[in-house]
């Protein structure tokens, strides 16, 4: 018996799990697609394919903070017009009693350098030179649209959908979220699929809300997902409440990072630093 004959006798679902563990997600998806073609009600293959597609399109959004033209012009969060010195990222030059600014490197827009390269932040014009006509111009005037915060995620999701020959895997509009919320393993795979593959935070919010109720409001993971959905929808105060509630159930590093990101969007860097310090004390080293 040759090695190829031995591979042919391996259970297809086991092979799909092996390919997923090897991070060969395309092969895993193909195998699960063949299994589902023979038995559309195979839940194990469905969940495995959903997780593989999510990991294939996954983006580490803990540092994805690109404010596009639409976000800058249509921001409905009211900030203080005269913040106290040193408490606002939008008015960094209003600091009083500080030393030489060269001691803390700053960008041309006044933001402190964090050591992370974030797309679009280095080339973004200052508020003094910002006009509507200029803001609506992309990197290639006349050919590109103004970018939004989730523009990169949507572009990657669209490209992955175009590359698929099987069409839409899950019809989101026909999902019964109450039924899925009672099955946590399937619901967790589905909500991540809605966030990272479909890029549909509204539907993900519906599922997360139903699952939170089904878990009797005691599952930190679902509260954190609610916060992520609210954050992507621009509802930062609601996201803050969910992340704080999640931390009351369970201290997690990723939740502290997400909560600090919310305060940065609310232009409260001191509060964000306070949350980071609390997370550092909870998870030293």
C-alpha atoms as a PDB file:
ATOM      1  CA  UNK A   1       0.000   0.000   0.000  1.00  0.00           C
ATOM      2  CA  UNK A   2       1.412   3.391  -1.008  1.00  0.00           C
ATOM      3  CA  UNK A   3       1.193   6.607   0.991  1.00  0.00           C
ATOM      4  CA  UNK A   4      -1.391   7.973  -1.448  1.00  0.00           C
ATOM      5  CA  UNK A   5      -3.617   4.921  -0.892  1.00  0.00           C
ATOM      6  CA  UNK A   6      -3.330   5.418   2.868  1.00  0.00           C
ATOM      7  CA  UNK A   7      -4.375   9.063   2.530  1.00  0.00           C
ATOM      8  CA  UNK A   8      -7.412   8.030   0.504  1.00  0.00           C
ATOM      9  CA  UNK A   9      -8.578   5.832   3.397  1.00  0.00           C
ATOM     10  CA  UNK A  10      -8.353   8.619   5.997  1.00  0.00           C
ATOM     11  CA  UNK A  11     -11.690   9.915   7.229  1.00  0.00           C
ATOM     12  CA  UNK A  12     -12.421  13.176   5.346  1.00  0.00           C
ATOM     13  CA  UNK A  13     -13.517  15.053   8.456  1.00  0.00           C
ATOM     14  CA  UNK A  14     -10.340  14.062  10.287  1.00  0.00           C
ATOM     15  CA  UNK A  15      -8.372  15.322   7.301  1.00  0.00           C
ATOM     16  CA  UNK A  16     -10.294  18.610   7.447  1.00  0.00           C
ATOM     17  CA  UNK A  17      -9.410  19.017  11.127  1.00  0.00           C
ATOM     18  CA  UNK A  18      -5.774  18.228  10.350  1.00  0.00           C
ATOM     19  CA  UNK A  19      -5.635  20.810   7.560  1.00  0.00           C
ATOM     20  CA  UNK A  20      -7.226  23.380   9.871  1.00  0.00           C
ATOM     21  CA  UNK A  21      -4.644  22.657  12.556  1.00  0.00           C
ATOM     22  CA  UNK A  22      -1.907  23.055   9.943  1.00  0.00           C
ATOM     23  CA  UNK A  23      -3.474  26.431   9.022  1.00  0.00           C
ATOM     24  CA  UNK A  24      -4.135  25.201   5.492  1.00  0.00           C
ATOM     25  CA  UNK A  25      -7.582  26.732   5.578  1.00  0.00           C
ATOM     26  CA  UNK A  26      -8.265  26.568   1.837  1.00  0.00           C
ATOM     27  CA  UNK A  27      -7.798  22.783   1.847  1.00  0.00           C
ATOM     28  CA  UNK A  28      -9.932  22.495   4.980  1.00  0.00           C
ATOM     29  CA  UNK A  29     -12.733  24.498   3.363  1.00  0.00           C
ATOM     30  CA  UNK A  30     -12.637  22.360   0.209  1.00  0.00           C
ATOM     31  CA  UNK A  31     -12.874  19.119   2.197  1.00  0.00           C
ATOM     32  CA  UNK A  32     -15.747  20.434   4.334  1.00  0.00           C
ATOM     33  CA  UNK A  33     -17.530  21.620   1.186  1.00  0.00           C
ATOM     34  CA  UNK A  34     -17.370  18.079  -0.228  1.00  0.00           C
ATOM     35  CA  UNK A  35     -18.688  16.659   3.054  1.00  0.00           C
ATOM     36  CA  UNK A  36     -21.569  19.138   3.131  1.00  0.00           C
ATOM     37  CA  UNK A  37     -22.395  18.359  -0.495  1.00  0.00           C
ATOM     38  CA  UNK A  38     -23.076  14.760   0.560  1.00  0.00           C
ATOM     39  CA  UNK A  39     -24.760  15.645   3.867  1.00  0.00           C
ATOM     40  CA  UNK A  40     -25.886  19.293   4.235  1.00  0.00           C
ATOM     41  CA  UNK A  41     -26.882  18.659   7.879  1.00  0.00           C
ATOM     42  CA  UNK A  42     -23.394  17.647   9.059  1.00  0.00           C
ATOM     43  CA  UNK A  43     -22.977  20.161  11.884  1.00  0.00           C
ATOM     44  CA  UNK A  44     -19.359  19.251  12.620  1.00  0.00           C
ATOM     45  CA  UNK A  45     -18.318  19.957   9.030  1.00  0.00           C
ATOM     46  CA  UNK A  46     -20.402  23.149   9.013  1.00  0.00           C
ATOM     47  CA  UNK A  47     -18.742  24.503  12.158  1.00  0.00           C
ATOM     48  CA  UNK A  48     -15.275  23.507  10.932  1.00  0.00           C
ATOM     49  CA  UNK A  49     -15.808  25.237   7.602  1.00  0.00           C
ATOM     50  CA  UNK A  50     -17.182  28.335   9.339  1.00  0.00           C
ATOM     51  CA  UNK A  51     -14.150  28.560  11.622  1.00  0.00           C
ATOM     52  CA  UNK A  52     -11.752  27.982   8.719  1.00  0.00           C
ATOM     53  CA  UNK A  53     -13.356  30.757   6.672  1.00  0.00           C
ATOM     54  CA  UNK A  54     -13.198  33.064   9.689  1.00  0.00           C
ATOM     55  CA  UNK A  55      -9.503  32.382  10.248  1.00  0.00           C
ATOM     56  CA  UNK A  56      -8.826  32.822   6.538  1.00  0.00           C
ATOM     57  CA  UNK A  57     -10.340  36.328   6.657  1.00  0.00           C
ATOM     58  CA  UNK A  58      -9.321  37.203  10.214  1.00  0.00           C
ATOM     59  CA  UNK A  59      -7.744  40.605  10.849  1.00  0.00           C
ATOM     60  CA  UNK A  60      -6.159  41.588  14.144  1.00  0.00           C
ATOM     61  CA  UNK A  61      -8.276  44.678  14.734  1.00  0.00           C
ATOM     62  CA  UNK A  62      -6.806  45.478  18.147  1.00  0.00           C
ATOM     63  CA  UNK A  63      -4.613  48.131  16.446  1.00  0.00           C
ATOM     64  CA  UNK A  64      -6.700  48.836  13.325  1.00  0.00           C
ATOM     65  CA  UNK A  65      -7.413  52.511  13.905  1.00  0.00           C
ATOM     66  CA  UNK A  66      -7.614  54.225  10.533  1.00  0.00           C
ATOM     67  CA  UNK A  67     -10.001  57.172  10.658  1.00  0.00           C
ATOM     68  CA  UNK A  68     -11.245  57.763   7.128  1.00  0.00           C
ATOM     69  CA  UNK A  69     -12.762  60.896   5.656  1.00  0.00           C
ATOM     70  CA  UNK A  70     -16.294  59.693   6.334  1.00  0.00           C
ATOM     71  CA  UNK A  71     -15.470  59.094   9.997  1.00  0.00           C
ATOM     72  CA  UNK A  72     -13.826  62.499  10.418  1.00  0.00           C
ATOM     73  CA  UNK A  73     -16.624  64.454   8.732  1.00  0.00           C
ATOM     74  CA  UNK A  74     -19.622  62.510  10.043  1.00  0.00           C
ATOM     75  CA  UNK A  75     -18.446  61.925  13.612  1.00  0.00           C
ATOM     76  CA  UNK A  76     -21.407  62.585  15.915  1.00  0.00           C
ATOM     77  CA  UNK A  77     -19.478  62.197  19.180  1.00  0.00           C
ATOM     78  CA  UNK A  78     -19.313  65.605  20.837  1.00  0.00           C
ATOM     79  CA  UNK A  79     -15.917  66.372  22.340  1.00  0.00           C
ATOM     80  CA  UNK A  80     -15.028  69.168  24.722  1.00  0.00           C
ATOM     81  CA  UNK A  81     -14.150  72.314  22.776  1.00  0.00           C
ATOM     82  CA  UNK A  82     -11.613  73.362  25.417  1.00  0.00           C
ATOM     83  CA  UNK A  83     -10.218  70.199  27.029  1.00  0.00           C
ATOM     84  CA  UNK A  84      -7.842  70.369  29.941  1.00  0.00           C
ATOM     85  CA  UNK A  85      -4.163  70.464  28.894  1.00  0.00           C
ATOM     86  CA  UNK A  86      -2.755  67.015  28.267  1.00  0.00           C
ATOM     87  CA  UNK A  87      -6.097  65.196  28.255  1.00  0.00           C
ATOM     88  CA  UNK A  88      -6.942  65.196  24.548  1.00  0.00           C
ATOM     89  CA  UNK A  89      -5.370  63.635  21.477  1.00  0.00           C
ATOM     90  CA  UNK A  90      -7.283  66.014  19.221  1.00  0.00           C
ATOM     91  CA  UNK A  91      -5.597  69.054  20.799  1.00  0.00           C
ATOM     92  CA  UNK A  92      -2.088  67.841  21.644  1.00  0.00           C
ATOM     93  CA  UNK A  93      -0.526  71.322  21.563  1.00  0.00           C
ATOM     94  CA  UNK A  94      -2.696  72.558  24.438  1.00  0.00           C
ATOM     95  CA  UNK A  95      -0.432  70.976  27.038  1.00  0.00           C
ATOM     96  CA  UNK A  96       0.704  73.293  29.785  1.00  0.00           C
ATOM     97  CA  UNK A  97       3.838  73.059  31.890  1.00  0.00           C
ATOM     98  CA  UNK A  98       5.422  70.252  29.874  1.00  0.00           C
ATOM     99  CA  UNK A  99       9.012  70.045  28.758  1.00  0.00           C
ATOM    100  CA  UNK A 100      10.597  69.808  25.350  1.00  0.00           C
ATOM    101  CA  UNK A 101       8.212  68.072  22.903  1.00  0.00           C
ATOM    102  CA  UNK A 102      11.207  66.314  21.354  1.00  0.00           C
ATOM    103  CA  UNK A 103      11.398  64.118  24.444  1.00  0.00           C
ATOM    104  CA  UNK A 104       8.243  62.412  23.214  1.00  0.00           C
ATOM    105  CA  UNK A 105       8.247  61.958  19.423  1.00  0.00           C
ATOM    106  CA  UNK A 106       5.100  63.194  17.736  1.00  0.00           C
ATOM    107  CA  UNK A 107       3.708  62.823  14.236  1.00  0.00           C
ATOM    108  CA  UNK A 108       2.969  65.755  11.960  1.00  0.00           C
ATOM    109  CA  UNK A 109      -0.654  65.641  13.129  1.00  0.00           C
ATOM    110  CA  UNK A 110       0.291  65.812  16.804  1.00  0.00           C
ATOM    111  CA  UNK A 111      -0.260  62.170  17.740  1.00  0.00           C
ATOM    112  CA  UNK A 112       2.377  60.460  19.917  1.00  0.00           C
ATOM    113  CA  UNK A 113       4.362  57.793  18.120  1.00  0.00           C
ATOM    114  CA  UNK A 114       3.356  54.373  19.421  1.00  0.00           C
ATOM    115  CA  UNK A 115       5.830  52.228  17.519  1.00  0.00           C
ATOM    116  CA  UNK A 116       3.084  50.598  15.441  1.00  0.00           C
ATOM    117  CA  UNK A 117       2.609  51.407  11.764  1.00  0.00           C
ATOM    118  CA  UNK A 118      -1.068  52.139  11.274  1.00  0.00           C
ATOM    119  CA  UNK A 119      -2.400  52.618   7.741  1.00  0.00           C
ATOM    120  CA  UNK A 120      -3.320  56.136   6.778  1.00  0.00           C
ATOM    121  CA  UNK A 121      -2.345  57.901  10.002  1.00  0.00           C
ATOM    122  CA  UNK A 122       1.055  59.126   8.817  1.00  0.00           C
ATOM    123  CA  UNK A 123      -0.257  60.635   5.596  1.00  0.00           C
ATOM    124  CA  UNK A 124      -3.429  62.158   7.056  1.00  0.00           C
ATOM    125  CA  UNK A 125      -3.489  65.973   6.757  1.00  0.00           C
ATOM    126  CA  UNK A 126      -3.774  68.163   9.821  1.00  0.00           C
ATOM    127  CA  UNK A 127      -7.015  69.711  10.918  1.00  0.00           C
ATOM    128  CA  UNK A 128      -5.869  73.158   9.792  1.00  0.00           C
ATOM    129  CA  UNK A 129      -5.486  72.039   6.198  1.00  0.00           C
ATOM    130  CA  UNK A 130      -8.510  69.746   6.201  1.00  0.00           C
ATOM    131  CA  UNK A 131     -11.326  70.776   3.879  1.00  0.00           C
ATOM    132  CA  UNK A 132     -14.296  68.857   2.551  1.00  0.00           C
ATOM    133  CA  UNK A 133     -12.933  68.810  -1.000  1.00  0.00           C
ATOM    134  CA  UNK A 134      -9.573  67.559   0.155  1.00  0.00           C
ATOM    135  CA  UNK A 135     -11.029  65.029   2.571  1.00  0.00           C
ATOM    136  CA  UNK A 136     -13.139  63.450  -0.155  1.00  0.00           C
ATOM    137  CA  UNK A 137     -10.067  62.813  -2.289  1.00  0.00           C
ATOM    138  CA  UNK A 138      -8.485  59.417  -1.946  1.00  0.00           C
ATOM    139  CA  UNK A 139      -4.882  58.468  -2.492  1.00  0.00           C
ATOM    140  CA  UNK A 140      -5.520  58.540  -6.240  1.00  0.00           C
ATOM    141  CA  UNK A 141      -7.723  61.585  -6.957  1.00  0.00           C
ATOM    142  CA  UNK A 142     -10.491  60.891  -9.431  1.00  0.00           C
ATOM    143  CA  UNK A 143     -10.158  57.119  -9.175  1.00  0.00           C
ATOM    144  CA  UNK A 144     -10.580  56.188  -5.529  1.00  0.00           C
ATOM    145  CA  UNK A 145     -13.247  56.652  -2.899  1.00  0.00           C
ATOM    146  CA  UNK A 146     -12.632  58.131   0.557  1.00  0.00           C
ATOM    147  CA  UNK A 147     -11.656  55.471   3.051  1.00  0.00           C
ATOM    148  CA  UNK A 148     -13.629  54.616   6.154  1.00  0.00           C
ATOM    149  CA  UNK A 149     -12.578  52.935   9.379  1.00  0.00           C
ATOM    150  CA  UNK A 150     -13.642  49.465   8.216  1.00  0.00           C
ATOM    151  CA  UNK A 151     -12.663  50.017   4.592  1.00  0.00           C
ATOM    152  CA  UNK A 152      -9.774  47.612   4.733  1.00  0.00           C
ATOM    153  CA  UNK A 153     -11.876  44.855   6.279  1.00  0.00           C
ATOM    154  CA  UNK A 154     -14.666  45.284   3.737  1.00  0.00           C
ATOM    155  CA  UNK A 155     -12.237  45.238   0.820  1.00  0.00           C
ATOM    156  CA  UNK A 156     -10.653  42.007   2.041  1.00  0.00           C
ATOM    157  CA  UNK A 157     -14.063  40.451   2.612  1.00  0.00           C
ATOM    158  CA  UNK A 158     -15.254  41.421  -0.867  1.00  0.00           C
ATOM    159  CA  UNK A 159     -12.151  39.946  -2.466  1.00  0.00           C
ATOM    160  CA  UNK A 160     -12.612  36.657  -0.630  1.00  0.00           C
ATOM    161  CA  UNK A 161     -16.246  36.451  -1.743  1.00  0.00           C
ATOM    162  CA  UNK A 162     -15.315  37.061  -5.374  1.00  0.00           C
ATOM    163  CA  UNK A 163     -12.714  34.309  -5.199  1.00  0.00           C
ATOM    164  CA  UNK A 164     -15.312  31.770  -4.070  1.00  0.00           C
ATOM    165  CA  UNK A 165     -16.953  29.630  -6.734  1.00  0.00           C
ATOM    166  CA  UNK A 166     -19.622  28.197  -4.433  1.00  0.00           C
ATOM    167  CA  UNK A 167     -21.404  31.484  -3.813  1.00  0.00           C
ATOM    168  CA  UNK A 168     -22.656  32.567  -0.412  1.00  0.00           C
ATOM    169  CA  UNK A 169     -21.999  29.951   2.266  1.00  0.00           C
ATOM    170  CA  UNK A 170     -24.529  31.216   4.849  1.00  0.00           C
ATOM    171  CA  UNK A 171     -27.711  33.119   4.061  1.00  0.00           C
ATOM    172  CA  UNK A 172     -27.643  35.598   6.941  1.00  0.00           C
ATOM    173  CA  UNK A 173     -31.198  36.842   6.396  1.00  0.00           C
ATOM    174  CA  UNK A 174     -32.672  33.385   7.004  1.00  0.00           C
ATOM    175  CA  UNK A 175     -30.891  32.655  10.292  1.00  0.00           C
ATOM    176  CA  UNK A 176     -32.944  32.100  13.435  1.00  0.00           C
ATOM    177  CA  UNK A 177     -30.680  33.693  16.042  1.00  0.00           C
ATOM    178  CA  UNK A 178     -32.756  32.544  19.015  1.00  0.00           C
ATOM    179  CA  UNK A 179     -32.288  28.917  17.999  1.00  0.00           C
ATOM    180  CA  UNK A 180     -28.553  29.324  17.414  1.00  0.00           C
ATOM    181  CA  UNK A 181     -28.093  31.246  20.686  1.00  0.00           C
ATOM    182  CA  UNK A 182     -29.059  28.120  22.634  1.00  0.00           C
ATOM    183  CA  UNK A 183     -26.075  26.270  21.134  1.00  0.00           C
ATOM    184  CA  UNK A 184     -22.976  28.219  22.274  1.00  0.00           C
ATOM    185  CA  UNK A 185     -20.379  26.324  20.217  1.00  0.00           C
ATOM    186  CA  UNK A 186     -22.204  26.956  16.944  1.00  0.00           C
ATOM    187  CA  UNK A 187     -23.189  30.500  17.928  1.00  0.00           C
ATOM    188  CA  UNK A 188     -19.594  31.533  18.702  1.00  0.00           C
ATOM    189  CA  UNK A 189     -18.375  30.268  15.352  1.00  0.00           C
ATOM    190  CA  UNK A 190     -21.269  32.026  13.611  1.00  0.00           C
ATOM    191  CA  UNK A 191     -20.823  35.433  15.271  1.00  0.00           C
ATOM    192  CA  UNK A 192     -17.136  35.543  14.314  1.00  0.00           C
ATOM    193  CA  UNK A 193     -18.094  34.589  10.769  1.00  0.00           C
ATOM    194  CA  UNK A 194     -20.556  37.488  10.655  1.00  0.00           C
ATOM    195  CA  UNK A 195     -17.900  39.907  11.918  1.00  0.00           C
ATOM    196  CA  UNK A 196     -14.877  38.863   9.887  1.00  0.00           C
ATOM    197  CA  UNK A 197     -16.342  37.272   6.745  1.00  0.00           C
ATOM    198  CA  UNK A 198     -19.696  38.957   6.186  1.00  0.00           C
ATOM    199  CA  UNK A 199     -18.595  42.217   7.899  1.00  0.00           C
ATOM    200  CA  UNK A 200     -22.128  42.576   9.200  1.00  0.00           C
ATOM    201  CA  UNK A 201     -21.907  43.888  12.791  1.00  0.00           C
ATOM    202  CA  UNK A 202     -25.669  44.498  12.950  1.00  0.00           C
ATOM    203  CA  UNK A 203     -26.520  40.825  12.490  1.00  0.00           C
ATOM    204  CA  UNK A 204     -23.641  39.849  14.760  1.00  0.00           C
ATOM    205  CA  UNK A 205     -25.081  42.190  17.392  1.00  0.00           C
ATOM    206  CA  UNK A 206     -28.479  40.476  17.165  1.00  0.00           C
ATOM    207  CA  UNK A 207     -26.908  37.056  17.657  1.00  0.00           C
ATOM    208  CA  UNK A 208     -24.655  38.237  20.498  1.00  0.00           C
ATOM    209  CA  UNK A 209     -27.613  39.841  22.276  1.00  0.00           C
ATOM    210  CA  UNK A 210     -29.670  36.641  22.064  1.00  0.00           C
ATOM    211  CA  UNK A 211     -26.709  34.547  23.230  1.00  0.00           C
ATOM    212  CA  UNK A 212     -26.072  36.890  26.168  1.00  0.00           C
ATOM    213  CA  UNK A 213     -29.674  36.430  27.299  1.00  0.00           C
ATOM    214  CA  UNK A 214     -29.394  32.648  26.848  1.00  0.00           C
ATOM    215  CA  UNK A 215     -26.240  32.670  29.015  1.00  0.00           C
ATOM    216  CA  UNK A 216     -28.120  34.570  31.755  1.00  0.00           C
ATOM    217  CA  UNK A 217     -25.786  37.568  31.335  1.00  0.00           C
ATOM    218  CA  UNK A 218     -22.889  35.650  32.929  1.00  0.00           C
ATOM    219  CA  UNK A 219     -20.661  34.892  29.920  1.00  0.00           C
ATOM    220  CA  UNK A 220     -17.817  37.404  29.553  1.00  0.00           C
ATOM    221  CA  UNK A 221     -17.126  36.288  25.964  1.00  0.00           C
ATOM    222  CA  UNK A 222     -20.536  37.299  24.669  1.00  0.00           C
ATOM    223  CA  UNK A 223     -20.386  40.649  26.445  1.00  0.00           C
ATOM    224  CA  UNK A 224     -17.008  41.284  24.809  1.00  0.00           C
ATOM    225  CA  UNK A 225     -18.498  40.422  21.423  1.00  0.00           C
ATOM    226  CA  UNK A 226     -21.357  42.824  22.094  1.00  0.00           C
ATOM    227  CA  UNK A 227     -18.780  45.507  22.799  1.00  0.00           C
ATOM    228  CA  UNK A 228     -16.954  44.729  19.561  1.00  0.00           C
ATOM    229  CA  UNK A 229     -20.195  44.974  17.586  1.00  0.00           C
ATOM    230  CA  UNK A 230     -21.103  48.293  19.198  1.00  0.00           C
ATOM    231  CA  UNK A 231     -17.593  49.583  18.512  1.00  0.00           C
ATOM    232  CA  UNK A 232     -17.796  48.724  14.820  1.00  0.00           C
ATOM    233  CA  UNK A 233     -21.189  50.441  14.669  1.00  0.00           C
ATOM    234  CA  UNK A 234     -19.727  53.594  16.219  1.00  0.00           C
ATOM    235  CA  UNK A 235     -21.706  53.287  19.479  1.00  0.00           C
ATOM    236  CA  UNK A 236     -18.712  53.797  21.740  1.00  0.00           C
ATOM    237  CA  UNK A 237     -20.574  54.416  25.006  1.00  0.00           C
ATOM    238  CA  UNK A 238     -22.547  51.198  24.584  1.00  0.00           C
ATOM    239  CA  UNK A 239     -19.299  49.393  23.770  1.00  0.00           C
ATOM    240  CA  UNK A 240     -17.747  50.818  26.946  1.00  0.00           C
ATOM    241  CA  UNK A 241     -20.596  49.440  29.072  1.00  0.00           C
ATOM    242  CA  UNK A 242     -20.306  45.967  27.561  1.00  0.00           C
ATOM    243  CA  UNK A 243     -16.520  45.770  27.948  1.00  0.00           C
ATOM    244  CA  UNK A 244     -16.751  46.964  31.563  1.00  0.00           C
ATOM    245  CA  UNK A 245     -19.448  44.367  32.255  1.00  0.00           C
ATOM    246  CA  UNK A 246     -17.299  41.693  30.616  1.00  0.00           C
ATOM    247  CA  UNK A 247     -14.352  42.586  32.860  1.00  0.00           C
ATOM    248  CA  UNK A 248     -16.571  42.287  35.924  1.00  0.00           C
ATOM    249  CA  UNK A 249     -17.232  38.660  34.934  1.00  0.00           C
ATOM    250  CA  UNK A 250     -13.700  37.785  33.831  1.00  0.00           C
ATOM    251  CA  UNK A 251     -10.436  39.722  33.484  1.00  0.00           C
ATOM    252  CA  UNK A 252      -8.992  39.192  29.995  1.00  0.00           C
ATOM    253  CA  UNK A 253      -6.109  40.910  28.213  1.00  0.00           C
ATOM    254  CA  UNK A 254      -7.996  41.384  24.948  1.00  0.00           C
ATOM    255  CA  UNK A 255     -10.906  43.031  26.787  1.00  0.00           C
ATOM    256  CA  UNK A 256      -8.588  45.586  28.385  1.00  0.00           C
ATOM    257  CA  UNK A 257      -7.124  46.337  24.942  1.00  0.00           C
ATOM    258  CA  UNK A 258     -10.555  46.737  23.372  1.00  0.00           C
ATOM    259  CA  UNK A 259     -11.735  48.983  26.206  1.00  0.00           C
ATOM    260  CA  UNK A 260      -8.663  51.190  25.906  1.00  0.00           C
ATOM    261  CA  UNK A 261      -9.325  51.498  22.188  1.00  0.00           C
ATOM    262  CA  UNK A 262     -12.846  52.727  22.932  1.00  0.00           C
ATOM    263  CA  UNK A 263     -11.517  55.492  25.183  1.00  0.00           C
ATOM    264  CA  UNK A 264      -9.022  56.532  22.523  1.00  0.00           C
ATOM    265  CA  UNK A 265     -11.884  56.963  20.069  1.00  0.00           C
ATOM    266  CA  UNK A 266     -13.700  59.001  22.714  1.00  0.00           C
ATOM    267  CA  UNK A 267     -10.585  61.209  23.011  1.00  0.00           C
ATOM    268  CA  UNK A 268      -9.918  60.169  26.608  1.00  0.00           C
ATOM    269  CA  UNK A 269      -6.269  59.035  26.527  1.00  0.00           C
ATOM    270  CA  UNK A 270      -5.807  59.347  30.300  1.00  0.00           C
ATOM    271  CA  UNK A 271      -8.717  56.988  30.932  1.00  0.00           C
ATOM    272  CA  UNK A 272      -7.299  54.597  28.330  1.00  0.00           C
ATOM    273  CA  UNK A 273      -3.929  54.652  30.110  1.00  0.00           C
ATOM    274  CA  UNK A 274      -5.690  53.929  33.397  1.00  0.00           C
ATOM    275  CA  UNK A 275      -7.371  50.863  31.890  1.00  0.00           C
ATOM    276  CA  UNK A 276      -4.076  49.697  30.391  1.00  0.00           C
ATOM    277  CA  UNK A 277      -2.415  50.053  33.810  1.00  0.00           C
ATOM    278  CA  UNK A 278      -5.178  47.997  35.413  1.00  0.00           C
ATOM    279  CA  UNK A 279      -4.716  45.321  32.775  1.00  0.00           C
ATOM    280  CA  UNK A 280      -0.962  45.379  33.334  1.00  0.00           C
ATOM    281  CA  UNK A 281      -1.430  44.908  37.079  1.00  0.00           C
ATOM    282  CA  UNK A 282      -3.802  41.994  36.464  1.00  0.00           C
ATOM    283  CA  UNK A 283      -1.455  40.324  33.978  1.00  0.00           C
ATOM    284  CA  UNK A 284       2.141  41.241  34.950  1.00  0.00           C
ATOM    285  CA  UNK A 285       5.044  40.229  32.734  1.00  0.00           C
END
